[in-house]
Amino acid sequence: MGQKKYTIRDAHFWKISVSLALASFFIFACMYAVQPLLPVFVDEFGVSVSESSLALSMTIIGLIIGLIVLGFYSDRMGRTMFIKLSLIGSVIPFLIIPMVDTFYILVALRFVQGFALAGLPAASIAYLNEEIDTRSVGVATGLYISSNALGGMVGRVLTGYITDHFSWQVAFFILAVIGLIVLACVYLMLPKSRFFQSSYLPFLRDIEGFLFHFKNPALLLVFGLGIVLQFSFTGMWTYLPFHLQAEPFSLSLQAISYTFFAYGLGVIGSPLAGWFAGKFGLRKIRVIGVIILTIGIFLTLSSSLFVIIIGLCVSCLGFFTAHSLTATNVGEQATHHKGSAASLYLVAYYIGVALGSSALGPLWDAAGWSGLVILTAILPVTYVFFIRKGRE
C-alpha cells in the first residue's frame, strides 16, 4: 500500500505544524523588526524619514525577487532544503548588520536578508499541501498564518523594547540567537518530504504558467486587493512611530513598540475569518473585514492615545480577516497552476508592503498623519466598492 498523507491524529502532523509555525514566527519577526526603529535610523545615520523606510521596503523587494526565483527552484529541488536555507540566510545578516556604520550598507544587507526570507513562504504552503491530508491541512495552514502575525508583532515589540533599554545592535544580536534556536528545532523536527515530485519543465514553461494568471480578470482583482490591503495597513504602521514620537504624545520607543501588541488580534482574526466565511460566505465576511479595517484606521486620527490604540486593534482585526480570506480566494479563482497563483498573490501582497513603507513618504512630508490616514482608510473600501459594482 502507498503512503498516506499525515492527518491531525499523526505525530508528524504536529511536527510539521510546529516546525513551520516556529520558522514562520522567526521569518516575520525578521522582516518587520526594523519598523519601530525607523526614527532611530533617522537620528543615528542622519537620513530622511523616506530614506529610513528603505530598511523595510528594500527587504520586501528582496523578498519579492526571492519568492519568484526560489519558488521556481523549490519546484525542482524540494521543499525542506529551502525552508532550512531560508532560516540560515535570515540569521547571518543579523550578525553582520550591527557592525556596519553606513546606512546604505545596512539597507543592502536587509535586501539580501529579504531574498533569504523568501525561501520559507516560497516552499512552506506547497510542502503543507503535499504532506498533509486535505481534511487536516486547513488547521496547519491556519497555525502557519497565525504565526506570521505573531512573529511580526513580537519582532516589532522586541526590537523597540531592547533598543530603548540597550541599542538596536543588541536587538539584532538577540534576534540572531532566537533564529539559531528556531533553526535547531526545525532541523530536529521537520520531516523529509514524501510526496514531493520534482518539476522537469523548462523555466520558460513555468513562466508561461505564471503569466497565464494575468489573463484571468477575477484573479487580477484579487491580486489588486492584496496590494491595496497591505499598502494601507503597512503605510499606517510604518509612519505611526513618527506620529507617536511627536507632540502631543511624545512617547518613548519602548512605549511605541507596545502598540504592536495590537497584532495579537491578527492571530485570532485569521482562524475566525475562515469559520465565519464557512457560515456566511467568503465575500460577505471579506467586505466586513475591509470595513472594519477602514474604521480602525480612521480612529487613529484621534488626539486620544486610548482611542488610537483601539483603532490599531480594530484595524488589525479587519486587516487579517480580509487578508486571510483574499488568500483563500486565490485558490478558488485559479483554474490551474494554483501554486504559481499563490506565489503571485504573495508577490502582490509584498508589493503593497514595499509601496506602503516607502511610497507614502512624500504624502507624510506634505500632509502629515491626517493626510496619510485619510488615504489609507479610504483606499481599501473604495477598491472593494468598485469590485462589487463591476460584478453587478
Protein backbone atom coordinates (compact mmCIF):
# COMPACT_ATOMS: atom_id res chain seq x y z
CA MET A 1 0.00 0.00 0.00
CA GLY A 2 1.16 3.56 -0.73
CA GLN A 3 1.97 6.01 2.00
CA LYS A 4 -0.89 8.09 3.32
CA LYS A 5 -0.68 11.80 3.98
CA TYR A 6 -0.48 12.92 7.61
CA THR A 7 -3.69 13.74 9.46
CA ILE A 8 -4.24 15.74 12.64
CA ARG A 9 -4.02 12.47 14.62
CA ASP A 10 -0.42 11.80 13.47
CA ALA A 11 2.63 12.93 15.46
CA HIS A 12 4.30 14.02 12.20
CA PHE A 13 1.39 16.39 11.51
CA TRP A 14 2.26 18.25 14.70
CA LYS A 15 6.00 18.14 13.97
CA ILE A 16 5.34 19.79 10.61
CA SER A 17 2.86 22.30 12.05
CA VAL A 18 5.08 23.33 14.98
CA SER A 19 8.25 23.46 12.84
CA LEU A 20 6.68 25.70 10.20
CA ALA A 21 4.92 27.81 12.84
CA LEU A 22 8.29 28.46 14.56
CA ALA A 23 10.02 29.15 11.24
CA SER A 24 7.20 31.46 10.15
CA PHE A 25 7.31 33.23 13.53
CA PHE A 26 11.03 33.98 13.14
CA ILE A 27 10.90 34.94 9.45
CA PHE A 28 8.17 37.51 10.04
CA ALA A 29 9.90 38.80 13.18
CA CYS A 30 12.99 39.39 10.98
CA MET A 31 11.01 41.08 8.25
CA TYR A 32 9.31 43.68 10.42
CA ALA A 33 11.93 44.09 13.18
CA VAL A 34 13.07 47.45 11.77
CA GLN A 35 9.62 49.08 11.64
CA PRO A 36 9.75 50.69 15.11
CA LEU A 37 13.45 51.55 14.57
CA LEU A 38 12.95 53.92 11.63
CA PRO A 39 13.06 57.09 13.83
CA VAL A 40 16.28 55.71 15.42
CA PHE A 41 17.89 55.32 11.97
CA VAL A 42 16.91 58.91 11.11
CA ASP A 43 18.76 60.19 14.21
CA GLU A 44 21.71 57.80 14.17
CA PHE A 45 22.57 57.85 10.45
CA GLY A 46 21.31 61.36 9.63
CA VAL A 47 18.94 60.17 6.89
CA SER A 48 15.44 61.40 6.00
CA VAL A 49 12.20 59.68 7.01
CA SER A 50 11.75 58.39 3.45
CA GLU A 51 15.33 57.07 3.34
CA SER A 52 14.98 55.31 6.71
CA SER A 53 11.91 53.46 5.40
CA LEU A 54 14.21 51.74 2.85
CA ALA A 55 15.36 49.47 5.70
CA LEU A 56 11.93 47.84 5.40
CA SER A 57 10.98 48.38 1.75
CA MET A 58 14.29 47.05 0.33
CA THR A 59 13.86 43.92 2.47
CA ILE A 60 10.46 43.45 0.88
CA ILE A 61 11.85 44.00 -2.64
CA GLY A 62 14.46 41.29 -1.92
CA LEU A 63 11.63 39.08 -0.67
CA ILE A 64 9.55 39.63 -3.84
CA ILE A 65 12.50 38.65 -6.07
CA GLY A 66 13.20 35.68 -3.80
CA LEU A 67 9.59 34.47 -3.95
CA ILE A 68 9.76 34.22 -7.74
CA VAL A 69 13.29 32.76 -8.01
CA LEU A 70 13.18 30.41 -5.02
CA GLY A 71 9.59 29.37 -5.82
CA PHE A 72 10.79 28.04 -9.19
CA TYR A 73 13.78 26.26 -7.64
CA SER A 74 11.65 24.82 -4.84
CA ASP A 75 9.54 23.06 -7.50
CA ARG A 76 12.73 21.43 -8.79
CA MET A 77 14.92 20.79 -5.77
CA GLY A 78 12.50 20.17 -2.89
CA ARG A 79 10.82 21.98 -0.04
CA THR A 80 12.62 21.29 3.24
CA MET A 81 16.03 22.38 1.92
CA PHE A 82 14.73 25.87 1.12
CA ILE A 83 12.94 26.15 4.46
CA LYS A 84 16.23 25.46 6.29
CA LEU A 85 18.34 27.64 4.00
CA SER A 86 15.86 30.47 4.49
CA LEU A 87 16.46 30.38 8.25
CA ILE A 88 20.26 30.27 7.85
CA GLY A 89 20.19 33.17 5.37
CA SER A 90 18.00 35.18 7.73
CA VAL A 91 20.25 34.76 10.77
CA ILE A 92 23.60 35.70 9.15
CA PRO A 93 22.71 39.37 8.30
CA PHE A 94 21.69 39.96 11.94
CA LEU A 95 25.27 39.07 12.93
CA ILE A 96 26.80 41.47 10.36
CA ILE A 97 24.45 44.50 10.31
CA PRO A 98 25.25 45.69 13.89
CA MET A 99 28.90 46.13 12.82
CA VAL A 100 28.24 48.41 9.82
CA ASP A 101 28.48 52.19 10.13
CA THR A 102 26.90 53.21 6.80
CA PHE A 103 23.13 53.22 6.40
CA TYR A 104 23.17 52.09 2.77
CA ILE A 105 25.28 49.04 3.62
CA LEU A 106 22.61 48.24 6.23
CA VAL A 107 19.95 48.61 3.51
CA ALA A 108 21.93 46.36 1.12
CA LEU A 109 22.22 43.66 3.80
CA ARG A 110 18.50 43.94 4.51
CA PHE A 111 17.88 43.40 0.78
CA VAL A 112 19.97 40.19 0.91
CA GLN A 113 18.15 39.14 4.06
CA GLY A 114 14.81 39.73 2.33
CA PHE A 115 15.83 37.42 -0.52
CA ALA A 116 16.74 34.72 2.00
CA LEU A 117 13.49 35.19 3.93
CA ALA A 118 11.55 34.23 0.79
CA GLY A 119 12.67 30.60 0.98
CA LEU A 120 10.10 29.82 3.67
CA PRO A 121 6.92 31.26 2.09
CA ALA A 122 8.06 30.02 -1.35
CA ALA A 123 8.17 26.40 -0.14
CA SER A 124 6.04 26.03 3.00
CA ILE A 125 2.46 26.18 1.65
CA ALA A 126 3.32 23.72 -1.14
CA TYR A 127 5.01 21.44 1.43
CA LEU A 128 1.92 21.54 3.69
CA ASN A 129 -0.39 20.66 0.81
CA GLU A 130 1.89 17.83 -0.35
CA GLU A 131 2.41 16.17 3.02
CA ILE A 132 -0.84 16.75 4.94
CA ASP A 133 -4.28 15.30 4.25
CA THR A 134 -6.79 17.74 2.75
CA ARG A 135 -9.09 17.43 5.79
CA SER A 136 -6.27 18.49 8.14
CA VAL A 137 -4.25 20.93 6.03
CA GLY A 138 -6.54 23.86 6.95
CA VAL A 139 -5.53 23.57 10.62
CA ALA A 140 -1.81 23.51 9.76
CA THR A 141 -2.19 26.45 7.35
CA GLY A 142 -4.14 28.42 9.97
CA LEU A 143 -1.34 27.87 12.52
CA TYR A 144 1.22 28.93 9.92
CA ILE A 145 -0.62 32.18 9.04
CA SER A 146 -1.30 32.95 12.72
CA SER A 147 2.44 32.61 13.34
CA ASN A 148 3.05 35.22 10.63
CA ALA A 149 1.05 37.74 12.66
CA LEU A 150 2.60 36.65 15.96
CA GLY A 151 6.15 36.85 14.58
CA GLY A 152 5.56 40.29 13.08
CA MET A 153 4.16 41.50 16.40
CA VAL A 154 6.95 40.08 18.60
CA GLY A 155 9.68 41.26 16.21
CA ARG A 156 8.44 44.83 16.41
CA VAL A 157 7.83 44.85 20.18
CA LEU A 158 11.13 43.11 20.98
CA THR A 159 13.34 45.41 18.92
CA GLY A 160 11.56 48.52 20.20
CA TYR A 161 11.88 47.44 23.83
CA ILE A 162 15.53 46.31 23.62
CA THR A 163 16.59 49.37 21.60
CA ASP A 164 15.07 51.67 24.21
CA HIS A 165 16.97 49.89 27.02
CA PHE A 166 20.21 48.97 25.22
CA SER A 167 20.64 49.58 21.46
CA TRP A 168 19.29 48.39 18.12
CA GLN A 169 22.56 46.45 17.63
CA VAL A 170 21.85 44.37 20.76
CA ALA A 171 18.29 43.78 19.48
CA PHE A 172 19.67 42.36 16.21
CA PHE A 173 22.12 40.05 18.03
CA ILE A 174 19.25 38.74 20.19
CA LEU A 175 17.18 38.08 17.06
CA ALA A 176 20.14 36.11 15.65
CA VAL A 177 20.23 33.93 18.77
CA ILE A 178 16.46 33.32 18.54
CA GLY A 179 16.94 32.39 14.88
CA LEU A 180 19.63 29.83 15.73
CA ILE A 181 17.32 28.21 18.31
CA VAL A 182 14.46 28.05 15.76
CA LEU A 183 16.85 26.63 13.14
CA ALA A 184 17.90 23.85 15.54
CA CYS A 185 14.24 23.00 16.27
CA VAL A 186 13.37 22.86 12.56
CA TYR A 187 16.41 20.67 11.76
CA LEU A 188 15.40 18.23 14.51
CA MET A 189 11.63 18.15 13.91
CA LEU A 190 10.75 18.84 10.27
CA PRO A 191 10.07 15.54 8.44
CA LYS A 192 11.52 14.91 4.99
CA SER A 193 9.21 15.31 2.00
CA ARG A 194 7.48 12.09 0.98
CA PHE A 195 5.23 13.28 -1.81
CA PHE A 196 7.38 15.95 -3.49
CA GLN A 197 7.66 15.42 -7.23
CA SER A 198 10.35 17.42 -8.97
CA SER A 199 9.31 19.54 -11.93
CA TYR A 200 11.38 18.93 -15.06
CA LEU A 201 9.64 21.55 -17.14
CA PRO A 202 11.86 24.25 -18.69
CA PHE A 203 11.82 27.60 -16.93
CA LEU A 204 10.03 29.14 -19.91
CA ARG A 205 7.10 26.74 -19.40
CA ASP A 206 6.96 27.71 -15.73
CA ILE A 207 6.97 31.39 -16.65
CA GLU A 208 4.17 30.76 -19.17
CA GLY A 209 2.14 29.16 -16.36
CA PHE A 210 3.00 32.13 -14.15
CA LEU A 211 1.89 34.66 -16.78
CA PHE A 212 -1.28 32.69 -17.58
CA HIS A 213 -2.92 34.13 -14.46
CA PHE A 214 -2.70 37.65 -15.88
CA LYS A 215 -5.38 36.60 -18.39
CA ASN A 216 -7.83 35.86 -15.54
CA PRO A 217 -9.66 39.13 -14.65
CA ALA A 218 -11.08 37.67 -11.42
CA LEU A 219 -7.58 36.78 -10.20
CA LEU A 220 -6.20 40.19 -11.17
CA LEU A 221 -8.85 41.82 -8.95
CA VAL A 222 -7.80 39.55 -6.06
CA PHE A 223 -4.11 40.40 -6.59
CA GLY A 224 -5.04 44.10 -6.68
CA LEU A 225 -6.91 43.75 -3.40
CA GLY A 226 -3.80 42.15 -1.86
CA ILE A 227 -1.75 45.19 -2.89
CA VAL A 228 -4.34 47.70 -1.64
CA LEU A 229 -4.88 45.99 1.73
CA GLN A 230 -1.19 45.79 2.52
CA PHE A 231 -0.42 49.27 1.13
CA SER A 232 -2.90 50.83 3.57
CA PHE A 233 -2.05 48.64 6.55
CA THR A 234 1.74 48.89 6.19
CA GLY A 235 1.54 52.61 5.44
CA MET A 236 -0.28 53.27 8.69
CA TRP A 237 2.12 51.18 10.81
CA THR A 238 5.31 52.46 9.13
CA TYR A 239 4.63 56.13 9.95
CA LEU A 240 2.92 55.51 13.29
CA PRO A 241 6.21 55.67 15.30
CA PHE A 242 6.95 59.14 13.87
CA HIS A 243 3.41 60.30 14.75
CA LEU A 244 3.54 58.98 18.33
CA GLN A 245 7.07 60.25 18.92
CA ALA A 246 5.96 63.81 18.15
CA GLU A 247 3.75 66.18 20.17
CA PRO A 248 1.28 65.83 21.83
CA PHE A 249 2.15 62.18 22.60
CA SER A 250 5.99 62.31 22.90
CA LEU A 251 6.14 58.54 23.50
CA SER A 252 9.37 56.64 24.03
CA LEU A 253 10.39 53.90 21.61
CA GLN A 254 9.53 51.29 24.25
CA ALA A 255 6.00 52.70 24.63
CA ILE A 256 5.56 52.89 20.85
CA SER A 257 6.68 49.27 20.50
CA TYR A 258 3.87 48.17 22.84
CA THR A 259 1.29 49.40 20.29
CA PHE A 260 2.35 46.48 18.08
CA PHE A 261 0.65 44.13 20.55
CA ALA A 262 -2.46 45.06 18.56
CA TYR A 263 -1.24 42.43 16.07
CA GLY A 264 -2.42 39.85 18.59
CA LEU A 265 -5.89 40.33 17.13
CA GLY A 266 -4.46 39.14 13.81
CA VAL A 267 -3.56 35.82 15.45
CA ILE A 268 -7.23 35.17 16.21
CA GLY A 269 -8.60 37.08 13.21
CA SER A 270 -7.38 34.63 10.55
CA PRO A 271 -8.95 31.44 12.00
CA LEU A 272 -12.18 33.28 12.94
CA ALA A 273 -12.46 34.68 9.43
CA GLY A 274 -12.31 31.16 7.98
CA TRP A 275 -15.03 29.97 10.37
CA PHE A 276 -17.37 32.89 9.64
CA ALA A 277 -16.74 32.60 5.88
CA GLY A 278 -17.82 28.95 6.04
CA LYS A 279 -21.12 30.00 7.63
CA PHE A 280 -21.92 33.29 5.87
CA GLY A 281 -19.84 33.29 2.67
CA LEU A 282 -16.30 34.43 1.89
CA ARG A 283 -17.09 37.66 0.01
CA LYS A 284 -19.52 38.94 2.64
CA ILE A 285 -17.06 38.40 5.53
CA ARG A 286 -14.19 39.84 3.49
CA VAL A 287 -16.17 43.06 2.85
CA ILE A 288 -16.91 43.26 6.59
CA GLY A 289 -13.17 42.82 7.26
CA VAL A 290 -12.32 45.70 4.88
CA ILE A 291 -14.93 47.98 6.53
CA ILE A 292 -13.53 47.13 9.98
CA LEU A 293 -10.00 47.94 8.69
CA THR A 294 -11.18 51.33 7.40
CA ILE A 295 -12.95 52.20 10.68
CA GLY A 296 -9.84 51.22 12.66
CA ILE A 297 -7.53 53.41 10.56
CA PHE A 298 -9.89 56.41 10.88
CA LEU A 299 -9.92 56.02 14.67
CA THR A 300 -6.16 56.75 14.73
CA LEU A 301 -6.96 60.37 13.79
CA SER A 302 -7.99 60.90 17.40
CA SER A 303 -5.95 63.05 19.77
CA SER A 304 -6.62 60.46 22.49
CA LEU A 305 -3.94 57.77 22.79
CA PHE A 306 -6.55 55.34 24.15
CA VAL A 307 -8.75 55.78 21.04
CA ILE A 308 -5.68 55.38 18.78
CA ILE A 309 -4.84 52.05 20.45
CA ILE A 310 -8.44 50.88 19.98
CA GLY A 311 -8.16 51.93 16.32
CA LEU A 312 -4.96 49.92 15.89
CA CYS A 313 -6.61 46.81 17.41
CA VAL A 314 -9.70 47.22 15.21
CA SER A 315 -7.60 47.73 12.06
CA CYS A 316 -5.55 44.60 12.80
CA LEU A 317 -8.70 42.51 13.22
CA GLY A 318 -10.11 43.88 9.96
CA PHE A 319 -6.89 43.51 8.01
CA PHE A 320 -6.15 39.90 8.95
CA THR A 321 -9.78 38.93 8.33
CA ALA A 322 -9.70 40.45 4.83
CA HIS A 323 -6.18 39.22 4.02
CA SER A 324 -6.70 35.57 5.04
CA LEU A 325 -9.92 35.36 3.01
CA THR A 326 -8.31 37.04 0.00
CA ALA A 327 -5.50 34.47 0.12
CA THR A 328 -8.14 31.70 0.29
CA ASN A 329 -9.95 33.25 -2.68
CA VAL A 330 -6.83 32.88 -4.85
CA GLY A 331 -7.12 29.07 -4.72
CA GLU A 332 -10.80 29.31 -5.67
CA GLN A 333 -10.27 31.68 -8.62
CA ALA A 334 -7.21 29.91 -10.13
CA THR A 335 -8.37 27.20 -12.53
CA HIS A 336 -4.91 25.56 -12.62
CA HIS A 337 -1.26 26.38 -11.81
CA LYS A 338 -2.56 27.06 -8.31
CA GLY A 339 0.97 27.13 -6.84
CA SER A 340 2.09 29.94 -9.12
CA ALA A 341 -1.19 31.77 -8.45
CA ALA A 342 -0.47 31.62 -4.70
CA SER A 343 3.08 32.90 -5.35
CA LEU A 344 1.72 35.77 -7.44
CA TYR A 345 -0.65 36.73 -4.64
CA LEU A 346 2.29 36.82 -2.23
CA VAL A 347 4.23 38.98 -4.71
CA ALA A 348 1.25 41.36 -4.96
CA TYR A 349 0.88 41.37 -1.18
CA TYR A 350 4.52 42.33 -0.65
CA ILE A 351 4.46 44.93 -3.41
CA GLY A 352 1.82 46.52 -1.18
CA VAL A 353 4.21 46.33 1.79
CA ALA A 354 7.06 47.94 -0.20
CA LEU A 355 4.80 50.72 -1.51
CA GLY A 356 3.18 51.30 1.88
CA SER A 357 6.54 51.63 3.62
CA SER A 358 8.28 54.00 1.17
CA ALA A 359 5.90 55.44 -1.46
CA LEU A 360 3.88 57.28 1.22
CA GLY A 361 6.94 59.29 2.32
CA PRO A 362 6.07 62.38 0.19
CA LEU A 363 2.47 62.30 1.47
CA TRP A 364 3.74 62.15 5.05
CA ASP A 365 6.04 65.13 4.38
CA ALA A 366 3.25 67.14 2.73
CA ALA A 367 0.11 66.28 4.71
CA GLY A 368 1.32 64.57 7.90
CA TRP A 369 -0.60 61.90 9.79
CA SER A 370 -4.09 63.15 8.87
CA GLY A 371 -3.37 63.07 5.12
CA LEU A 372 -1.81 59.64 5.36
CA VAL A 373 -4.71 58.23 7.40
CA ILE A 374 -7.39 59.61 5.07
CA LEU A 375 -5.77 57.98 2.02
CA THR A 376 -5.00 54.62 3.67
CA ALA A 377 -8.50 54.39 5.22
CA ILE A 378 -10.47 55.27 2.09
CA LEU A 379 -8.45 53.22 -0.45
CA PRO A 380 -9.42 49.61 0.57
CA VAL A 381 -13.16 50.28 0.98
CA THR A 382 -13.23 52.22 -2.32
CA TYR A 383 -11.48 49.35 -4.13
CA VAL A 384 -13.94 46.77 -2.77
CA PHE A 385 -16.89 49.03 -3.66
CA PHE A 386 -15.80 49.25 -7.31
CA ILE A 387 -15.18 45.48 -7.46
CA ARG A 388 -18.72 44.82 -6.25
CA LYS A 389 -20.21 47.41 -8.64
CA GLY A 390 -18.29 45.79 -11.52
CA ARG A 391 -19.84 42.40 -10.72
CA GLU A 392 -23.41 43.72 -10.68
